[in-house]
PDB file of N, CA and C in Angstrom:
ATOM      1  N   MET A   1      19.536  11.957  25.873  1.00  0.00           N
ATOM      2  CA  MET A   1      18.130  11.613  25.925  1.00  0.00           C
ATOM      3  C   MET A   1      17.548  11.453  24.523  1.00  0.00           C
ATOM      4  N   LYS A   2      17.973  12.337  23.596  1.00  0.00           N
ATOM      5  CA  LYS A   2      17.485  12.255  22.221  1.00  0.00           C
ATOM      6  C   LYS A   2      17.920  10.948  21.561  1.00  0.00           C
ATOM      7  N   LYS A   3      19.136  10.489  21.897  1.00  0.00           N
ATOM      8  CA  LYS A   3      19.629   9.226  21.326  1.00  0.00           C
ATOM      9  C   LYS A   3      18.801   8.043  21.816  1.00  0.00           C
ATOM     10  N   VAL A   4      18.392   8.078  23.073  1.00  0.00           N
ATOM     11  CA  VAL A   4      17.575   7.001  23.632  1.00  0.00           C
ATOM     12  C   VAL A   4      16.215   6.965  22.940  1.00  0.00           C
ATOM     13  N   ILE A   5      15.594   8.126  22.782  1.00  0.00           N
ATOM     14  CA  ILE A   5      14.292   8.190  22.110  1.00  0.00           C
ATOM     15  C   ILE A   5      14.422   7.747  20.663  1.00  0.00           C
ATOM     16  N   LEU A   6      15.471   8.185  19.990  1.00  0.00           N
ATOM     17  CA  LEU A   6      15.707   7.776  18.605  1.00  0.00           C
ATOM     18  C   LEU A   6      15.938   6.270  18.516  1.00  0.00           C
ATOM     19  N   GLY A   7      16.677   5.715  19.471  1.00  0.00           N
ATOM     20  CA  GLY A   7      16.925   4.268  19.500  1.00  0.00           C
ATOM     21  C   GLY A   7      15.647   3.480  19.714  1.00  0.00           C
ATOM     22  N   VAL A   8      14.807   3.939  20.632  1.00  0.00           N
ATOM     23  CA  VAL A   8      13.525   3.265  20.886  1.00  0.00           C
ATOM     24  C   VAL A   8      12.647   3.330  19.640  1.00  0.00           C
ATOM     25  N   PHE A   9      12.578   4.485  19.019  1.00  0.00           N
ATOM     26  CA  PHE A   9      11.789   4.646  17.798  1.00  0.00           C
ATOM     27  C   PHE A   9      12.304   3.724  16.696  1.00  0.00           C
ATOM     28  N   ALA A  10      13.627   3.631  16.551  1.00  0.00           N
ATOM     29  CA  ALA A  10      14.210   2.754  15.530  1.00  0.00           C
ATOM     30  C   ALA A  10      13.866   1.295  15.797  1.00  0.00           C
ATOM     31  N   CYS A  11      13.926   0.880  17.052  1.00  0.00           N
ATOM     32  CA  CYS A  11      13.584  -0.509  17.406  1.00  0.00           C
ATOM     33  C   CYS A  11      12.118  -0.820  17.133  1.00  0.00           C
ATOM     34  N   ILE A  12      11.245   0.104  17.491  1.00  0.00           N
ATOM     35  CA  ILE A  12       9.819  -0.102  17.234  1.00  0.00           C
ATOM     36  C   ILE A  12       9.553  -0.160  15.738  1.00  0.00           C
ATOM     37  N   SER A  13      10.173   0.732  14.985  1.00  0.00           N
ATOM     38  CA  SER A  13       9.996   0.737  13.528  1.00  0.00           C
ATOM     39  C   SER A  13      10.489  -0.560  12.916  1.00  0.00           C
ATOM     40  N   PHE A  14      11.664  -1.025  13.351  1.00  0.00           N
ATOM     41  CA  PHE A  14      12.200  -2.284  12.834  1.00  0.00           C
ATOM     42  C   PHE A  14      11.264  -3.446  13.165  1.00  0.00           C
ATOM     43  N   GLY A  15      10.771  -3.475  14.394  1.00  0.00           N
ATOM     44  CA  GLY A  15       9.847  -4.538  14.807  1.00  0.00           C
ATOM     45  C   GLY A  15       8.579  -4.551  13.978  1.00  0.00           C
ATOM     46  N   LEU A  16       8.041  -3.390  13.686  1.00  0.00           N
ATOM     47  CA  LEU A  16       6.832  -3.286  12.879  1.00  0.00           C
ATOM     48  C   LEU A  16       7.077  -3.782  11.460  1.00  0.00           C
ATOM     49  N   VAL A  17       8.162  -3.337  10.847  1.00  0.00           N
ATOM     50  CA  VAL A  17       8.485  -3.769   9.484  1.00  0.00           C
ATOM     51  C   VAL A  17       8.739  -5.278   9.446  1.00  0.00           C
ATOM     52  N   ALA A  18       9.455  -5.791  10.424  1.00  0.00           N
ATOM     53  CA  ALA A  18       9.751  -7.230  10.473  1.00  0.00           C
ATOM     54  C   ALA A  18       8.472  -8.041  10.642  1.00  0.00           C
ATOM     55  N   SER A  19       7.554  -7.594  11.497  1.00  0.00           N
ATOM     56  CA  SER A  19       6.316  -8.358  11.710  1.00  0.00           C
ATOM     57  C   SER A  19       5.453  -8.347  10.459  1.00  0.00           C
ATOM     58  N   ILE A  20       5.389  -7.225   9.755  1.00  0.00           N
ATOM     59  CA  ILE A  20       4.625  -7.173   8.509  1.00  0.00           C
ATOM     60  C   ILE A  20       5.256  -8.100   7.471  1.00  0.00           C
ATOM     61  N   PHE A  21       6.574  -8.057   7.346  1.00  0.00           N
ATOM     62  CA  PHE A  21       7.275  -8.924   6.404  1.00  0.00           C
ATOM     63  C   PHE A  21       7.028 -10.396   6.723  1.00  0.00           C
ATOM     64  N   LEU A  22       7.197 -10.764   7.988  1.00  0.00           N
ATOM     65  CA  LEU A  22       7.012 -12.166   8.368  1.00  0.00           C
ATOM     66  C   LEU A  22       5.571 -12.614   8.181  1.00  0.00           C
ATOM     67  N   SER A  23       4.625 -11.766   8.499  1.00  0.00           N
ATOM     68  CA  SER A  23       3.220 -12.110   8.327  1.00  0.00           C
ATOM     69  C   SER A  23       2.904 -12.380   6.867  1.00  0.00           C
ATOM     70  N   ASN A  24       3.362 -11.505   5.982  1.00  0.00           N
ATOM     71  CA  ASN A  24       3.140 -11.712   4.550  1.00  0.00           C
ATOM     72  C   ASN A  24       3.877 -12.940   4.051  1.00  0.00           C
ATOM     73  N   ARG A  25       5.076 -13.150   4.541  1.00  0.00           N
ATOM     74  CA  ARG A  25       5.885 -14.294   4.125  1.00  0.00           C
ATOM     75  C   ARG A  25       5.245 -15.618   4.549  1.00  0.00           C
ATOM     76  N   LEU A  26       4.778 -15.671   5.793  1.00  0.00           N
ATOM     77  CA  LEU A  26       4.175 -16.909   6.287  1.00  0.00           C
ATOM     78  C   LEU A  26       2.861 -17.219   5.591  1.00  0.00           C
ATOM     79  N   SER A  27       2.079 -16.194   5.283  1.00  0.00           N
ATOM     80  CA  SER A  27       0.784 -16.459   4.658  1.00  0.00           C
ATOM     81  C   SER A  27       0.916 -16.805   3.186  1.00  0.00           C
ATOM     82  N   SER A  28       2.053 -16.494   2.547  1.00  0.00           N
ATOM     83  CA  SER A  28       2.204 -16.787   1.134  1.00  0.00           C
ATOM     84  C   SER A  28       3.058 -18.037   0.882  1.00  0.00           C
ATOM     85  N   GLU A  29       3.693 -18.565   1.907  1.00  0.00           N
ATOM     86  CA  GLU A  29       4.518 -19.753   1.725  1.00  0.00           C
ATOM     87  C   GLU A  29       3.653 -20.980   1.519  1.00  0.00           C
ATOM     88  N   SER A  30       4.238 -21.977   0.861  1.00  0.00           N
ATOM     89  CA  SER A  30       3.526 -23.233   0.730  1.00  0.00           C
ATOM     90  C   SER A  30       3.502 -23.927   2.087  1.00  0.00           C
ATOM     91  N   LEU A  31       2.466 -24.685   2.288  1.00  0.00           N
ATOM     92  CA  LEU A  31       2.302 -25.395   3.553  1.00  0.00           C
ATOM     93  C   LEU A  31       3.083 -26.698   3.521  1.00  0.00           C
ATOM     94  N   PRO A  32       3.517 -27.163   4.686  1.00  0.00           N
ATOM     95  CA  PRO A  32       4.129 -28.495   4.716  1.00  0.00           C
ATOM     96  C   PRO A  32       3.100 -29.535   4.260  1.00  0.00           C
ATOM     97  N   GLU A  33       3.569 -30.592   3.686  1.00  0.00           N
ATOM     98  CA  GLU A  33       2.674 -31.631   3.175  1.00  0.00           C
ATOM     99  C   GLU A  33       1.746 -32.134   4.287  1.00  0.00           C
ATOM    100  N   GLY A  34       0.468 -32.208   3.968  1.00  0.00           N
ATOM    101  CA  GLY A  34      -0.509 -32.727   4.917  1.00  0.00           C
ATOM    102  C   GLY A  34      -1.057 -31.696   5.889  1.00  0.00           C
ATOM    103  N   TYR A  35      -0.752 -30.417   5.698  1.00  0.00           N
ATOM    104  CA  TYR A  35      -1.254 -29.363   6.583  1.00  0.00           C
ATOM    105  C   TYR A  35      -2.219 -28.450   5.840  1.00  0.00           C
ATOM    106  N   VAL A  36      -3.093 -27.812   6.608  1.00  0.00           N
ATOM    107  CA  VAL A  36      -4.111 -26.902   6.107  1.00  0.00           C
ATOM    108  C   VAL A  36      -3.946 -25.573   6.829  1.00  0.00           C
ATOM    109  N   CYS A  37      -4.227 -24.478   6.137  1.00  0.00           N
ATOM    110  CA  CYS A  37      -4.235 -23.153   6.767  1.00  0.00           C
ATOM    111  C   CYS A  37      -5.577 -22.483   6.482  1.00  0.00           C
ATOM    112  N   VAL A  38      -6.247 -22.070   7.542  1.00  0.00           N
ATOM    113  CA  VAL A  38      -7.486 -21.310   7.408  1.00  0.00           C
ATOM    114  C   VAL A  38      -7.243 -19.940   8.035  1.00  0.00           C
ATOM    115  N   ILE A  39      -7.351 -18.906   7.231  1.00  0.00           N
ATOM    116  CA  ILE A  39      -7.200 -17.533   7.720  1.00  0.00           C
ATOM    117  C   ILE A  39      -8.584 -17.055   8.131  1.00  0.00           C
ATOM    118  N   VAL A  40      -8.725 -16.683   9.391  1.00  0.00           N
ATOM    119  CA  VAL A  40     -10.014 -16.233   9.904  1.00  0.00           C
ATOM    120  C   VAL A  40      -9.907 -14.750  10.234  1.00  0.00           C
ATOM    121  N   LYS A  41     -10.810 -13.952   9.636  1.00  0.00           N
ATOM    122  CA  LYS A  41     -10.798 -12.509   9.817  1.00  0.00           C
ATOM    123  C   LYS A  41     -12.054 -12.063  10.559  1.00  0.00           C
ATOM    124  N   ASN A  42     -11.882 -11.248  11.586  1.00  0.00           N
ATOM    125  CA  ASN A  42     -13.018 -10.699  12.331  1.00  0.00           C
ATOM    126  C   ASN A  42     -13.451  -9.397  11.670  1.00  0.00           C
ATOM    127  N   GLN A  43     -14.485  -9.465  10.842  1.00  0.00           N
ATOM    128  CA  GLN A  43     -15.022  -8.282  10.189  1.00  0.00           C
ATOM    129  C   GLN A  43     -16.340  -7.856  10.819  1.00  0.00           C
ATOM    130  N   SER A  44     -16.623  -8.418  12.003  1.00  0.00           N
ATOM    131  CA  SER A  44     -17.827  -8.016  12.724  1.00  0.00           C
ATOM    132  C   SER A  44     -17.554  -6.686  13.412  1.00  0.00           C
ATOM    133  N   LYS A  45     -18.580  -6.129  13.979  1.00  0.00           N
ATOM    134  CA  LYS A  45     -18.427  -4.858  14.685  1.00  0.00           C
ATOM    135  C   LYS A  45     -18.140  -5.074  16.169  1.00  0.00           C
ATOM    136  N   ARG A  46     -17.861  -6.334  16.548  1.00  0.00           N
ATOM    137  CA  ARG A  46     -17.618  -6.668  17.956  1.00  0.00           C
ATOM    138  C   ARG A  46     -16.396  -7.573  18.089  1.00  0.00           C
ATOM    139  N   PRO A  47     -15.741  -7.526  19.245  1.00  0.00           N
ATOM    140  CA  PRO A  47     -14.642  -8.465  19.485  1.00  0.00           C
ATOM    141  C   PRO A  47     -15.176  -9.897  19.627  1.00  0.00           C
ATOM    142  N   ILE A  48     -14.335 -10.844  19.282  1.00  0.00           N
ATOM    143  CA  ILE A  48     -14.697 -12.251  19.430  1.00  0.00           C
ATOM    144  C   ILE A  48     -14.043 -12.770  20.701  1.00  0.00           C
ATOM    145  N   LYS A  49     -14.855 -13.318  21.577  1.00  0.00           N
ATOM    146  CA  LYS A  49     -14.370 -13.848  22.849  1.00  0.00           C
ATOM    147  C   LYS A  49     -13.637 -15.166  22.628  1.00  0.00           C
ATOM    148  N   LEU A  50     -14.242 -16.061  21.822  1.00  0.00           N
ATOM    149  CA  LEU A  50     -13.654 -17.376  21.569  1.00  0.00           C
ATOM    150  C   LEU A  50     -13.967 -17.810  20.145  1.00  0.00           C
ATOM    151  N   LEU A  51     -12.928 -18.154  19.408  1.00  0.00           N
ATOM    152  CA  LEU A  51     -13.063 -18.675  18.052  1.00  0.00           C
ATOM    153  C   LEU A  51     -12.684 -20.147  18.090  1.00  0.00           C
ATOM    154  N   THR A  52     -13.544 -21.006  17.559  1.00  0.00           N
ATOM    155  CA  THR A  52     -13.265 -22.440  17.525  1.00  0.00           C
ATOM    156  C   THR A  52     -13.366 -22.941  16.096  1.00  0.00           C
ATOM    157  N   LEU A  53     -12.323 -23.596  15.627  1.00  0.00           N
ATOM    158  CA  LEU A  53     -12.350 -24.262  14.333  1.00  0.00           C
ATOM    159  C   LEU A  53     -12.418 -25.749  14.626  1.00  0.00           C
ATOM    160  N   LYS A  54     -13.514 -26.384  14.234  1.00  0.00           N
ATOM    161  CA  LYS A  54     -13.690 -27.823  14.452  1.00  0.00           C
ATOM    162  C   LYS A  54     -13.528 -28.543  13.127  1.00  0.00           C
ATOM    163  N   HIS A  55     -12.740 -29.624  13.175  1.00  0.00           N
ATOM    164  CA  HIS A  55     -12.584 -30.465  11.988  1.00  0.00           C
ATOM    165  C   HIS A  55     -12.747 -31.912  12.412  1.00  0.00           C
ATOM    166  N   GLU A  56     -12.734 -32.815  11.452  1.00  0.00           N
ATOM    167  CA  GLU A  56     -13.044 -34.216  11.727  1.00  0.00           C
ATOM    168  C   GLU A  56     -12.032 -34.904  12.639  1.00  0.00           C
ATOM    169  N   ARG A  57     -10.859 -34.320  12.784  1.00  0.00           N
ATOM    170  CA  ARG A  57      -9.817 -34.946  13.610  1.00  0.00           C
ATOM    171  C   ARG A  57      -9.534 -34.171  14.899  1.00  0.00           C
ATOM    172  N   GLY A  58     -10.319 -33.116  15.181  1.00  0.00           N
ATOM    173  CA  GLY A  58     -10.099 -32.360  16.404  1.00  0.00           C
ATOM    174  C   GLY A  58     -10.637 -30.944  16.308  1.00  0.00           C
ATOM    175  N   SER A  59     -10.169 -30.087  17.192  1.00  0.00           N
ATOM    176  CA  SER A  59     -10.582 -28.685  17.161  1.00  0.00           C
ATOM    177  C   SER A  59      -9.455 -27.800  17.683  1.00  0.00           C
ATOM    178  N   ILE A  60      -9.518 -26.527  17.301  1.00  0.00           N
ATOM    179  CA  ILE A  60      -8.516 -25.544  17.706  1.00  0.00           C
ATOM    180  C   ILE A  60      -9.268 -24.320  18.205  1.00  0.00           C
ATOM    181  N   GLU A  61      -8.837 -23.783  19.346  1.00  0.00           N
ATOM    182  CA  GLU A  61      -9.472 -22.597  19.907  1.00  0.00           C
ATOM    183  C   GLU A  61      -8.509 -21.419  19.900  1.00  0.00           C
ATOM    184  N   VAL A  62      -9.052 -20.248  19.601  1.00  0.00           N
ATOM    185  CA  VAL A  62      -8.298 -18.995  19.648  1.00  0.00           C
ATOM    186  C   VAL A  62      -9.112 -18.045  20.517  1.00  0.00           C
ATOM    187  N   LYS A  63      -8.488 -17.507  21.547  1.00  0.00           N
ATOM    188  CA  LYS A  63      -9.194 -16.592  22.447  1.00  0.00           C
ATOM    189  C   LYS A  63      -8.849 -15.153  22.095  1.00  0.00           C
ATOM    190  N   GLY A  64      -9.869 -14.303  22.157  1.00  0.00           N
ATOM    191  CA  GLY A  64      -9.652 -12.871  22.022  1.00  0.00           C
ATOM    192  C   GLY A  64      -9.217 -12.395  20.654  1.00  0.00           C
ATOM    193  N   LEU A  65     -10.133 -12.338  19.715  1.00  0.00           N
ATOM    194  CA  LEU A  65      -9.839 -11.825  18.374  1.00  0.00           C
ATOM    195  C   LEU A  65     -10.548 -10.472  18.235  1.00  0.00           C
ATOM    196  N   ALA A  66      -9.780  -9.400  18.227  1.00  0.00           N
ATOM    197  CA  ALA A  66     -10.339  -8.045  18.199  1.00  0.00           C
ATOM    198  C   ALA A  66     -10.983  -7.740  16.854  1.00  0.00           C
ATOM    199  N   GLN A  67     -11.815  -6.714  16.844  1.00  0.00           N
ATOM    200  CA  GLN A  67     -12.451  -6.253  15.621  1.00  0.00           C
ATOM    201  C   GLN A  67     -11.363  -5.865  14.614  1.00  0.00           C
ATOM    202  N   GLY A  68     -11.452  -6.410  13.388  1.00  0.00           N
ATOM    203  CA  GLY A  68     -10.480  -6.125  12.346  1.00  0.00           C
ATOM    204  C   GLY A  68      -9.256  -7.021  12.367  1.00  0.00           C
ATOM    205  N   GLU A  69      -9.099  -7.835  13.400  1.00  0.00           N
ATOM    206  CA  GLU A  69      -7.927  -8.704  13.527  1.00  0.00           C
ATOM    207  C   GLU A  69      -8.159 -10.019  12.776  1.00  0.00           C
ATOM    208  N   GLN A  70      -7.064 -10.668  12.404  1.00  0.00           N
ATOM    209  CA  GLN A  70      -7.166 -11.984  11.772  1.00  0.00           C
ATOM    210  C   GLN A  70      -6.160 -12.928  12.401  1.00  0.00           C
ATOM    211  N   THR A  71      -6.410 -14.218  12.224  1.00  0.00           N
ATOM    212  CA  THR A  71      -5.501 -15.236  12.735  1.00  0.00           C
ATOM    213  C   THR A  71      -5.391 -16.356  11.709  1.00  0.00           C
ATOM    214  N   ASN A  72      -4.240 -16.998  11.657  1.00  0.00           N
ATOM    215  CA  ASN A  72      -4.035 -18.170  10.803  1.00  0.00           C
ATOM    216  C   ASN A  72      -4.174 -19.414  11.671  1.00  0.00           C
ATOM    217  N   VAL A  73      -5.088 -20.287  11.305  1.00  0.00           N
ATOM    218  CA  VAL A  73      -5.269 -21.544  12.022  1.00  0.00           C
ATOM    219  C   VAL A  73      -4.690 -22.635  11.129  1.00  0.00           C
ATOM    220  N   ILE A  74      -3.619 -23.257  11.591  1.00  0.00           N
ATOM    221  CA  ILE A  74      -2.933 -24.289  10.812  1.00  0.00           C
ATOM    222  C   ILE A  74      -3.058 -25.613  11.544  1.00  0.00           C
ATOM    223  N   PHE A  75      -3.453 -26.644  10.810  1.00  0.00           N
ATOM    224  CA  PHE A  75      -3.592 -27.961  11.438  1.00  0.00           C
ATOM    225  C   PHE A  75      -3.262 -29.059  10.438  1.00  0.00           C
ATOM    226  N   LYS A  76      -2.919 -30.218  10.985  1.00  0.00           N
ATOM    227  CA  LYS A  76      -2.548 -31.375  10.159  1.00  0.00           C
ATOM    228  C   LYS A  76      -3.804 -32.042   9.629  1.00  0.00           C
ATOM    229  N   SER A  77      -3.806 -32.281   8.335  1.00  0.00           N
ATOM    230  CA  SER A  77      -4.924 -32.957   7.682  1.00  0.00           C
ATOM    231  C   SER A  77      -4.370 -33.720   6.491  1.00  0.00           C
ATOM    232  N   PRO A  78      -3.816 -34.902   6.732  1.00  0.00           N
ATOM    233  CA  PRO A  78      -3.143 -35.629   5.658  1.00  0.00           C
ATOM    234  C   PRO A  78      -4.073 -36.120   4.545  1.00  0.00           C
ATOM    235  N   GLY A  79      -5.355 -36.217   4.832  1.00  0.00           N
ATOM    236  CA  GLY A  79      -6.294 -36.678   3.810  1.00  0.00           C
ATOM    237  C   GLY A  79      -7.484 -35.755   3.722  1.00  0.00           C
ATOM    238  N   GLU A  80      -8.593 -36.301   3.236  1.00  0.00           N
ATOM    239  CA  GLU A  80      -9.815 -35.512   3.141  1.00  0.00           C
ATOM    240  C   GLU A  80     -10.318 -35.162   4.539  1.00  0.00           C
ATOM    241  N   ASN A  81     -10.924 -33.984   4.651  1.00  0.00           N
ATOM    242  CA  ASN A  81     -11.386 -33.501   5.948  1.00  0.00           C
ATOM    243  C   ASN A  81     -12.478 -32.474   5.701  1.00  0.00           C
ATOM    244  N   ALA A  82     -13.144 -32.077   6.741  1.00  0.00           N
ATOM    245  CA  ALA A  82     -14.130 -30.995   6.679  1.00  0.00           C
ATOM    246  C   ALA A  82     -13.988 -30.189   7.959  1.00  0.00           C
ATOM    247  N   TYR A  83     -14.311 -28.908   7.876  1.00  0.00           N
ATOM    248  CA  TYR A  83     -14.216 -28.055   9.057  1.00  0.00           C
ATOM    249  C   TYR A  83     -15.335 -27.033   9.050  1.00  0.00           C
ATOM    250  N   TYR A  84     -15.574 -26.456  10.216  1.00  0.00           N
ATOM    251  CA  TYR A  84     -16.455 -25.301  10.329  1.00  0.00           C
ATOM    252  C   TYR A  84     -15.945 -24.436  11.464  1.00  0.00           C
ATOM    253  N   VAL A  85     -16.389 -23.186  11.470  1.00  0.00           N
ATOM    254  CA  VAL A  85     -15.909 -22.199  12.430  1.00  0.00           C
ATOM    255  C   VAL A  85     -17.071 -21.725  13.296  1.00  0.00           C
ATOM    256  N   ILE A  86     -16.815 -21.616  14.595  1.00  0.00           N
ATOM    257  CA  ILE A  86     -17.787 -21.079  15.551  1.00  0.00           C
ATOM    258  C   ILE A  86     -17.144 -19.866  16.217  1.00  0.00           C
ATOM    259  N   ALA A  87     -17.852 -18.751  16.212  1.00  0.00           N
ATOM    260  CA  ALA A  87     -17.352 -17.527  16.857  1.00  0.00           C
ATOM    261  C   ALA A  87     -18.318 -17.113  17.955  1.00  0.00           C
ATOM    262  N   LYS A  88     -17.812 -17.029  19.189  1.00  0.00           N
ATOM    263  CA  LYS A  88     -18.602 -16.518  20.309  1.00  0.00           C
ATOM    264  C   LYS A  88     -18.186 -15.068  20.518  1.00  0.00           C
ATOM    265  N   LEU A  89     -19.101 -14.162  20.234  1.00  0.00           N
ATOM    266  CA  LEU A  89     -18.822 -12.737  20.336  1.00  0.00           C
ATOM    267  C   LEU A  89     -18.895 -12.283  21.784  1.00  0.00           C
ATOM    268  N   GLU A  90     -18.251 -11.163  22.087  1.00  0.00           N
ATOM    269  CA  GLU A  90     -18.264 -10.590  23.435  1.00  0.00           C
ATOM    270  C   GLU A  90     -19.691 -10.309  23.901  1.00  0.00           C
ATOM    271  N   SER A  91     -20.592 -10.028  22.962  1.00  0.00           N
ATOM    272  CA  SER A  91     -21.981  -9.709  23.296  1.00  0.00           C
ATOM    273  C   SER A  91     -22.750 -10.929  23.797  1.00  0.00           C
ATOM    274  N   GLY A  92     -22.167 -12.124  23.604  1.00  0.00           N
ATOM    275  CA  GLY A  92     -22.830 -13.352  24.030  1.00  0.00           C
ATOM    276  C   GLY A  92     -23.430 -14.140  22.883  1.00  0.00           C
ATOM    277  N   SER A  93     -23.578 -13.529  21.712  1.00  0.00           N
ATOM    278  CA  SER A  93     -24.140 -14.248  20.568  1.00  0.00           C
ATOM    279  C   SER A  93     -23.088 -15.165  19.945  1.00  0.00           C
ATOM    280  N   THR A  94     -23.580 -16.188  19.243  1.00  0.00           N
ATOM    281  CA  THR A  94     -22.709 -17.161  18.589  1.00  0.00           C
ATOM    282  C   THR A  94     -23.036 -17.203  17.106  1.00  0.00           C
ATOM    283  N   VAL A  95     -21.999 -17.259  16.280  1.00  0.00           N
ATOM    284  CA  VAL A  95     -22.148 -17.344  14.829  1.00  0.00           C
ATOM    285  C   VAL A  95     -21.399 -18.592  14.372  1.00  0.00           C
ATOM    286  N   THR A  96     -22.026 -19.374  13.485  1.00  0.00           N
ATOM    287  CA  THR A  96     -21.414 -20.616  13.009  1.00  0.00           C
ATOM    288  C   THR A  96     -21.391 -20.631  11.483  1.00  0.00           C
ATOM    289  N   SER A  97     -20.294 -21.111  10.910  1.00  0.00           N
ATOM    290  CA  SER A  97     -20.197 -21.232   9.448  1.00  0.00           C
ATOM    291  C   SER A  97     -20.801 -22.559   9.000  1.00  0.00           C
ATOM    292  N   ARG A  98     -20.931 -22.688   7.716  1.00  0.00           N
ATOM    293  CA  ARG A  98     -21.301 -23.993   7.151  1.00  0.00           C
ATOM    294  C   ARG A  98     -20.049 -24.867   7.139  1.00  0.00           C
ATOM    295  N   GLU A  99     -20.235 -26.155   6.998  1.00  0.00           N
ATOM    296  CA  GLU A  99     -19.090 -27.069   6.939  1.00  0.00           C
ATOM    297  C   GLU A  99     -18.450 -26.953   5.555  1.00  0.00           C
ATOM    298  N   GLU A 100     -17.136 -27.018   5.523  1.00  0.00           N
ATOM    299  CA  GLU A 100     -16.402 -26.862   4.275  1.00  0.00           C
ATOM    300  C   GLU A 100     -15.408 -28.007   4.105  1.00  0.00           C
ATOM    301  N   TYR A 101     -15.342 -28.561   2.897  1.00  0.00           N
ATOM    302  CA  TYR A 101     -14.385 -29.627   2.568  1.00  0.00           C
ATOM    303  C   TYR A 101     -12.983 -29.030   2.483  1.00  0.00           C
ATOM    304  N   ILE A 102     -12.012 -29.799   2.940  1.00  0.00           N
ATOM    305  CA  ILE A 102     -10.618 -29.357   2.865  1.00  0.00           C
ATOM    306  C   ILE A 102      -9.712 -30.577   2.901  1.00  0.00           C
ATOM    307  N   GLU A 103      -8.519 -30.458   2.357  1.00  0.00           N
ATOM    308  CA  GLU A 103      -7.521 -31.520   2.466  1.00  0.00           C
ATOM    309  C   GLU A 103      -6.138 -30.889   2.509  1.00  0.00           C
ATOM    310  N   GLY A 104      -5.150 -31.686   2.831  1.00  0.00           N
ATOM    311  CA  GLY A 104      -3.791 -31.189   2.993  1.00  0.00           C
ATOM    312  C   GLY A 104      -3.341 -30.325   1.823  1.00  0.00           C
ATOM    313  N   GLY A 105      -2.712 -29.171   2.142  1.00  0.00           N
ATOM    314  CA  GLY A 105      -2.238 -28.253   1.124  1.00  0.00           C
ATOM    315  C   GLY A 105      -3.225 -27.152   0.792  1.00  0.00           C
ATOM    316  N   TYR A 106      -4.477 -27.313   1.235  1.00  0.00           N
ATOM    317  CA  TYR A 106      -5.499 -26.309   0.951  1.00  0.00           C
ATOM    318  C   TYR A 106      -5.381 -25.133   1.913  1.00  0.00           C
ATOM    319  N   ARG A 107      -5.891 -24.001   1.457  1.00  0.00           N
ATOM    320  CA  ARG A 107      -6.033 -22.800   2.285  1.00  0.00           C
ATOM    321  C   ARG A 107      -7.479 -22.341   2.187  1.00  0.00           C
ATOM    322  N   GLY A 108      -7.990 -21.851   3.275  1.00  0.00           N
ATOM    323  CA  GLY A 108      -9.339 -21.300   3.279  1.00  0.00           C
ATOM    324  C   GLY A 108      -9.319 -19.942   3.952  1.00  0.00           C
ATOM    325  N   ILE A 109     -10.314 -19.132   3.646  1.00  0.00           N
ATOM    326  CA  ILE A 109     -10.446 -17.833   4.288  1.00  0.00           C
ATOM    327  C   ILE A 109     -11.853 -17.741   4.856  1.00  0.00           C
ATOM    328  N   GLY A 110     -11.951 -17.475   6.150  1.00  0.00           N
ATOM    329  CA  GLY A 110     -13.240 -17.307   6.806  1.00  0.00           C
ATOM    330  C   GLY A 110     -13.397 -15.866   7.254  1.00  0.00           C
ATOM    331  N   ASN A 111     -14.451 -15.208   6.792  1.00  0.00           N
ATOM    332  CA  ASN A 111     -14.748 -13.838   7.189  1.00  0.00           C
ATOM    333  C   ASN A 111     -15.932 -13.847   8.140  1.00  0.00           C
ATOM    334  N   ILE A 112     -15.704 -13.364   9.360  1.00  0.00           N
ATOM    335  CA  ILE A 112     -16.749 -13.353  10.373  1.00  0.00           C
ATOM    336  C   ILE A 112     -17.430 -11.993  10.363  1.00  0.00           C
ATOM    337  N   PHE A 113     -18.743 -12.016  10.185  1.00  0.00           N
ATOM    338  CA  PHE A 113     -19.554 -10.808  10.240  1.00  0.00           C
ATOM    339  C   PHE A 113     -20.450 -10.890  11.476  1.00  0.00           C
ATOM    340  N   ASN A 114     -21.289  -9.898  11.705  1.00  0.00           N
ATOM    341  CA  ASN A 114     -22.134  -9.870  12.907  1.00  0.00           C
ATOM    342  C   ASN A 114     -23.080 -11.061  13.008  1.00  0.00           C
ATOM    343  N   ASP A 115     -23.605 -11.515  11.870  1.00  0.00           N
ATOM    344  CA  ASP A 115     -24.619 -12.569  11.922  1.00  0.00           C
ATOM    345  C   ASP A 115     -24.311 -13.775  11.036  1.00  0.00           C
ATOM    346  N   THR A 116     -23.132 -13.817  10.435  1.00  0.00           N
ATOM    347  CA  THR A 116     -22.785 -14.937   9.568  1.00  0.00           C
ATOM    348  C   THR A 116     -21.271 -15.071   9.442  1.00  0.00           C
ATOM    349  N   ILE A 117     -20.832 -16.239   9.000  1.00  0.00           N
ATOM    350  CA  ILE A 117     -19.428 -16.482   8.667  1.00  0.00           C
ATOM    351  C   ILE A 117     -19.399 -16.973   7.227  1.00  0.00           C
ATOM    352  N   LYS A 118     -18.703 -16.264   6.381  1.00  0.00           N
ATOM    353  CA  LYS A 118     -18.586 -16.661   4.982  1.00  0.00           C
ATOM    354  C   LYS A 118     -17.202 -17.232   4.763  1.00  0.00           C
ATOM    355  N   ILE A 119     -17.174 -18.403   4.137  1.00  0.00           N
ATOM    356  CA  ILE A 119     -15.909 -19.086   3.901  1.00  0.00           C
ATOM    357  C   ILE A 119     -15.638 -19.124   2.403  1.00  0.00           C
ATOM    358  N   LYS A 120     -14.429 -18.667   2.055  1.00  0.00           N
ATOM    359  CA  LYS A 120     -13.952 -18.775   0.677  1.00  0.00           C
ATOM    360  C   LYS A 120     -13.113 -20.049   0.649  1.00  0.00           C
ATOM    361  N   PRO A 121     -13.604 -21.095   0.030  1.00  0.00           N
ATOM    362  CA  PRO A 121     -12.958 -22.401   0.151  1.00  0.00           C
ATOM    363  C   PRO A 121     -11.776 -22.625  -0.770  1.00  0.00           C
ATOM    364  N   ASN A 122     -10.916 -23.476  -0.283  1.00  0.00           N
ATOM    365  CA  ASN A 122      -9.875 -24.138  -1.066  1.00  0.00           C
ATOM    366  C   ASN A 122      -9.029 -23.221  -1.923  1.00  0.00           C
ATOM    367  N   ASP A 123      -8.532 -22.142  -1.338  1.00  0.00           N
ATOM    368  CA  ASP A 123      -7.538 -21.287  -1.969  1.00  0.00           C
ATOM    369  C   ASP A 123      -6.197 -21.960  -1.783  1.00  0.00           C
ATOM    370  N   TYR A 124      -5.627 -22.496  -2.813  1.00  0.00           N
ATOM    371  CA  TYR A 124      -4.315 -23.122  -2.679  1.00  0.00           C
ATOM    372  C   TYR A 124      -3.444 -22.829  -3.863  1.00  0.00           C
TER     373      TYR A 124
END
């Protein structure tokens, strides 16, 4: 029984270390040509029911972003583009960012707070 518990603990530990490694690795790698990555962090005091990133060529939705959680939104943008983020909180309120310029190879960071979304533009 002790071996089974030790084995389960080892597997969980390995999974945790691997996910942290992969997360750091993916966020620090260069993007494929013509792609954009926007890291969106929920720093509000409430869960986000629906996160929508709208850009000139389409939109991407992410459901269920918990308090303190973040997600990487990656999309193709071979040329100049602009995007903004809309967060619908569990409470029913909606928060929208300002529009931000972006083009392929750029990275952005969006921090969602209770009443605003602040975007740190063009980290590349």
